[in-house]
Protein backbone atom coordinates (compact mmCIF):
# COMPACT_ATOMS: atom_id res chain seq x y z
CA UNK A 1 -11.66 -3.04 -27.39
CA UNK A 2 -7.99 -2.54 -27.01
CA UNK A 3 -5.96 -4.25 -24.07
CA UNK A 4 -5.47 -2.82 -20.94
CA UNK A 5 -1.68 -1.46 -21.09
CA UNK A 6 -0.01 -2.47 -17.95
CA UNK A 7 3.17 -1.48 -16.01
CA UNK A 8 4.41 -3.87 -13.85
CA UNK A 9 6.16 -2.97 -10.26
CA UNK A 10 8.25 -5.26 -8.09
CA UNK A 11 11.74 -5.48 -6.74
CA UNK A 12 12.28 -9.42 -7.47
CA UNK A 13 12.57 -10.39 -11.10
CA UNK A 14 11.41 -14.09 -10.18
CA UNK A 15 8.08 -12.28 -8.69
CA UNK A 16 7.87 -10.15 -11.62
CA UNK A 17 8.60 -13.12 -14.41
CA UNK A 18 5.85 -14.80 -12.49
CA UNK A 19 3.22 -11.92 -12.76
CA UNK A 20 3.86 -11.30 -16.14
CA UNK A 21 3.08 -15.26 -17.04
CA UNK A 22 0.15 -15.27 -14.95
CA UNK A 23 -1.22 -11.85 -16.65
CA UNK A 24 -0.45 -13.12 -19.95
CA UNK A 25 -3.29 -15.91 -19.58
CA UNK A 26 -5.88 -12.68 -19.12
CA UNK A 27 -7.66 -11.88 -22.13
CA UNK A 28 -7.48 -8.04 -23.12
CA UNK A 29 -4.49 -7.46 -20.52
CA UNK A 30 -1.06 -6.48 -22.09
CA UNK A 31 2.22 -6.14 -19.63
CA UNK A 32 4.02 -3.40 -21.47
CA UNK A 33 6.69 -2.33 -19.38
CA UNK A 34 8.48 -3.44 -15.82
CA UNK A 35 10.11 -1.60 -12.87
CA UNK A 36 12.36 -2.78 -9.83
CA UNK A 37 11.18 -0.16 -7.51
CA UNK A 38 9.03 3.44 -7.61
CA UNK A 39 11.75 5.57 -9.08
CA UNK A 40 11.98 3.18 -11.95
CA UNK A 41 8.25 3.17 -12.30
CA UNK A 42 8.06 6.97 -12.88
CA UNK A 43 10.99 6.80 -15.54
CA UNK A 44 8.78 4.25 -17.34
CA UNK A 45 5.91 5.87 -17.12
CA UNK A 46 7.66 9.36 -18.37
CA UNK A 47 9.10 7.23 -21.09
CA UNK A 48 6.01 5.85 -22.23
CA UNK A 49 4.12 8.86 -22.28
CA UNK A 50 6.64 10.54 -24.37
CA UNK A 51 6.27 7.71 -27.03
CA UNK A 52 2.77 8.09 -27.03
CA UNK A 53 2.22 4.70 -25.25
CA UNK A 54 0.89 5.36 -21.85
CA UNK A 55 -0.20 2.61 -19.77
CA UNK A 56 -4.10 2.08 -18.21
CA UNK A 57 -2.78 0.82 -15.03
CA UNK A 58 0.20 0.24 -12.70
CA UNK A 59 0.22 -3.09 -10.95
CA UNK A 60 2.63 -1.86 -7.87
CA UNK A 61 4.16 -3.79 -4.66
CA UNK A 62 4.49 -2.19 -1.48
CA UNK A 63 8.14 -2.61 -0.23
CA UNK A 64 10.89 -2.64 -2.70
CA UNK A 65 14.31 -3.01 -1.06
CA UNK A 66 16.06 0.32 -0.72
CA UNK A 67 14.52 1.85 -3.58
CA UNK A 68 11.23 3.98 -3.67
CA UNK A 69 8.28 2.39 -1.70
CA UNK A 70 5.19 1.80 -3.37
CA UNK A 71 3.12 4.32 -1.13
CA UNK A 72 5.24 6.82 -2.20
CA UNK A 73 5.39 5.88 -6.11
CA UNK A 74 1.35 5.81 -5.74
CA UNK A 75 1.06 9.56 -4.46
CA UNK A 76 3.79 10.64 -7.04
CA UNK A 77 2.05 8.96 -9.96
CA UNK A 78 -1.34 10.04 -8.81
CA UNK A 79 -0.10 13.62 -8.89
CA UNK A 80 0.93 13.44 -12.25
CA UNK A 81 4.68 13.15 -11.85
CA UNK A 82 4.87 10.21 -14.43
CA UNK A 83 2.59 11.96 -16.91
CA UNK A 84 -0.85 13.17 -17.20
CA UNK A 85 -3.46 11.89 -16.98
CA UNK A 86 -2.25 9.49 -14.25
CA UNK A 87 -2.94 6.03 -14.73
CA UNK A 88 -4.86 4.17 -11.70
CA UNK A 89 -2.50 2.23 -9.27
CA UNK A 90 -3.47 -1.06 -7.98
CA UNK A 91 -1.54 -2.27 -5.06
CA UNK A 92 -0.53 -6.30 -4.95
CA UNK A 93 1.11 -7.26 -1.85
CA UNK A 94 1.98 -9.47 1.03
CA UNK A 95 1.17 -6.83 3.46
CA UNK A 96 -2.45 -6.57 4.58
CA UNK A 97 -2.18 -4.42 7.80
CA UNK A 98 -4.23 -1.46 8.53
CA UNK A 99 -1.28 1.00 8.52
CA UNK A 100 -0.47 -0.21 4.94
CA UNK A 101 -3.59 -0.37 3.55
CA UNK A 102 -4.49 3.32 4.84
CA UNK A 103 -1.16 4.88 3.41
CA UNK A 104 -1.90 2.86 0.10
CA UNK A 105 -5.29 4.41 -0.09
CA UNK A 106 -4.58 7.79 0.92
CA UNK A 107 -1.64 7.93 -1.72
CA UNK A 108 -4.30 7.45 -4.20
CA UNK A 109 -4.46 3.58 -4.90
CA UNK A 110 -7.37 2.39 -6.87
CA UNK A 111 -7.16 -0.92 -5.20
CA UNK A 112 -5.40 -3.30 -2.76
CA UNK A 113 -4.95 -7.13 -3.46
CA UNK A 114 -2.65 -9.89 -1.76
CA UNK A 115 -0.31 -11.79 -4.04
CA UNK A 116 -1.62 -15.28 -2.75
CA UNK A 117 -4.98 -14.31 -4.11
CA UNK A 118 -6.44 -16.57 -6.74
CA UNK A 119 -5.59 -15.45 -10.38
CA UNK A 120 -9.34 -15.02 -11.05
CA UNK A 121 -9.54 -12.50 -8.27
CA UNK A 122 -6.44 -10.55 -9.57
CA UNK A 123 -7.78 -10.60 -13.26
CA UNK A 124 -11.24 -9.04 -11.79
CA UNK A 125 -9.08 -6.43 -9.84
CA UNK A 126 -7.05 -5.52 -12.59
CA UNK A 127 -9.94 -4.72 -14.80
CA UNK A 128 -11.84 -3.10 -12.07
CA UNK A 129 -9.25 -0.92 -11.29
CA UNK A 130 -8.43 0.07 -15.06
CA UNK A 131 -11.71 1.09 -15.54
CA UNK A 132 -11.80 3.38 -13.06
CA UNK A 133 -13.47 1.00 -10.04
CA UNK A 134 -12.20 0.17 -6.50
CA UNK A 135 -10.67 -3.16 -6.15
CA UNK A 136 -10.23 -4.46 -2.51
CA UNK A 137 -8.95 -8.25 -1.91
CA UNK A 138 -11.96 -9.91 0.27
CA UNK A 139 -9.89 -10.31 3.13
CA UNK A 140 -9.51 -6.35 3.24
CA UNK A 141 -12.94 -5.79 2.36
CA UNK A 142 -14.13 -7.97 5.24
CA UNK A 143 -12.15 -6.30 7.52
CA UNK A 144 -13.36 -3.14 6.68
CA UNK A 145 -16.93 -4.28 6.91
CA UNK A 146 -16.18 -5.85 10.20
CA UNK A 147 -15.03 -2.63 11.63
CA UNK A 148 -18.25 -0.79 10.43
CA UNK A 149 -20.55 -3.44 12.03
CA UNK A 150 -18.46 -3.43 15.18
CA UNK A 151 -16.81 0.06 15.50
CA UNK A 152 -14.09 0.39 18.22
CA UNK A 153 -12.23 3.53 18.98
CA UNK A 154 -10.30 4.16 16.07
CA UNK A 155 -6.51 5.22 15.99
CA UNK A 156 -5.62 8.33 14.49
CA UNK A 157 -3.02 8.26 11.54
CA UNK A 158 -0.40 9.98 13.85
CA UNK A 159 -1.03 7.33 16.60
CA UNK A 160 -0.52 4.44 13.95
CA UNK A 161 2.73 6.39 12.87
CA UNK A 162 3.60 6.28 16.57
CA UNK A 163 3.01 2.69 16.99
CA UNK A 164 5.14 1.72 13.89
CA UNK A 165 8.02 3.79 15.21
CA UNK A 166 7.38 2.57 18.80
CA UNK A 167 7.89 -1.05 17.54
CA UNK A 168 11.28 -0.38 16.56
CA UNK A 169 12.23 0.18 19.74
CA UNK A 170 12.58 3.73 19.95
CA UNK A 171 12.51 5.88 23.23
CA UNK A 172 10.18 8.71 24.00
CA UNK A 173 12.88 10.92 23.50
CA UNK A 174 13.59 9.72 20.01
CA UNK A 175 10.03 9.40 19.04
CA UNK A 176 9.71 13.29 19.86
CA UNK A 177 12.82 13.85 17.94
CA UNK A 178 11.45 11.79 15.05
CA UNK A 179 7.97 13.29 14.72
CA UNK A 180 9.04 16.64 15.86
CA UNK A 181 7.15 16.84 18.91
CA UNK A 182 7.62 17.12 22.56
CA UNK A 183 8.02 14.13 25.02
CA UNK A 184 4.62 15.45 26.83
CA UNK A 185 3.14 15.00 23.39
CA UNK A 186 4.29 11.52 22.94
CA UNK A 187 3.28 10.62 26.31
CA UNK A 188 -0.25 11.87 25.73
CA UNK A 189 -0.20 10.34 22.26
CA UNK A 190 0.63 6.80 24.21
CA UNK A 191 -2.24 7.22 26.88
CA UNK A 192 -4.65 7.38 23.96
CA UNK A 193 -3.15 4.54 22.17
CA UNK A 194 -3.23 2.55 25.42
CA UNK A 195 -6.87 3.37 25.93
CA UNK A 196 -7.91 2.69 22.24
CA UNK A 197 -6.28 -0.80 22.37
CA UNK A 198 -7.11 -1.84 25.87
CA UNK A 199 -3.69 -2.22 27.48
CA UNK A 200 -1.37 -0.22 29.65
CA UNK A 201 2.40 -0.79 28.54
CA UNK A 202 4.39 -0.31 25.34
CA UNK A 203 5.10 -3.98 24.72
CA UNK A 204 1.32 -4.90 25.35
CA UNK A 205 0.33 -2.02 22.70
CA UNK A 206 2.73 -3.08 19.92
CA UNK A 207 1.52 -6.92 20.61
CA UNK A 208 -2.17 -5.89 20.40
CA UNK A 209 -1.54 -3.68 17.36
CA UNK A 210 0.27 -6.61 15.60
CA UNK A 211 -2.03 -9.10 16.25
CA UNK A 212 -5.07 -6.72 15.16
CA UNK A 213 -2.70 -6.15 11.92
CA UNK A 214 -2.68 -2.23 12.31
CA UNK A 215 1.05 -2.53 12.12
CA UNK A 216 3.40 -4.75 10.45
CA UNK A 217 5.37 -7.45 13.30
CA UNK A 218 9.14 -6.67 13.76
């Protein structure tokens, strides 16, 4: 059986070095290239495909400074911009909010793991994702199961997006301009958000969404 050829994508050289060292201990896994952001990852994928040396898995961080983020890069990779057939993408990050997980999955990620996971969990996730299976961190899987067993009114993608912008301190007018909707529509969204979160104002909504890990804390 050939080694799983991995492209490692993270903006911190020290983190990349640590991950490379950890992956080197995994039998059957070979880190063949690194990239510091999503754009560089696409360049590496194209280069390796041109050489006839495609990768079998991309291990991708989410936030990478001012460079292309992991969600955008994942969507482009899965759309075949780095070459076809596109390799699966396994997210490896410190962020575990609903907004981050949803965005990654919608972009086409095959798995979502946290950087503080034990090496054995990461190894299993790498093997699963490379073979076409879904790989979720136990914490993420447990939260998803909890929501299935104890369902509550779910926020729509647009409502989560609005909440994230709300947390930056934007006014209703600024929100409307950013989202290309009317202020009246913004207010309607806020009413629905408040009802679903069981709050009655912006500050409480942001606090509740952060506490429930729907959005990141500012």
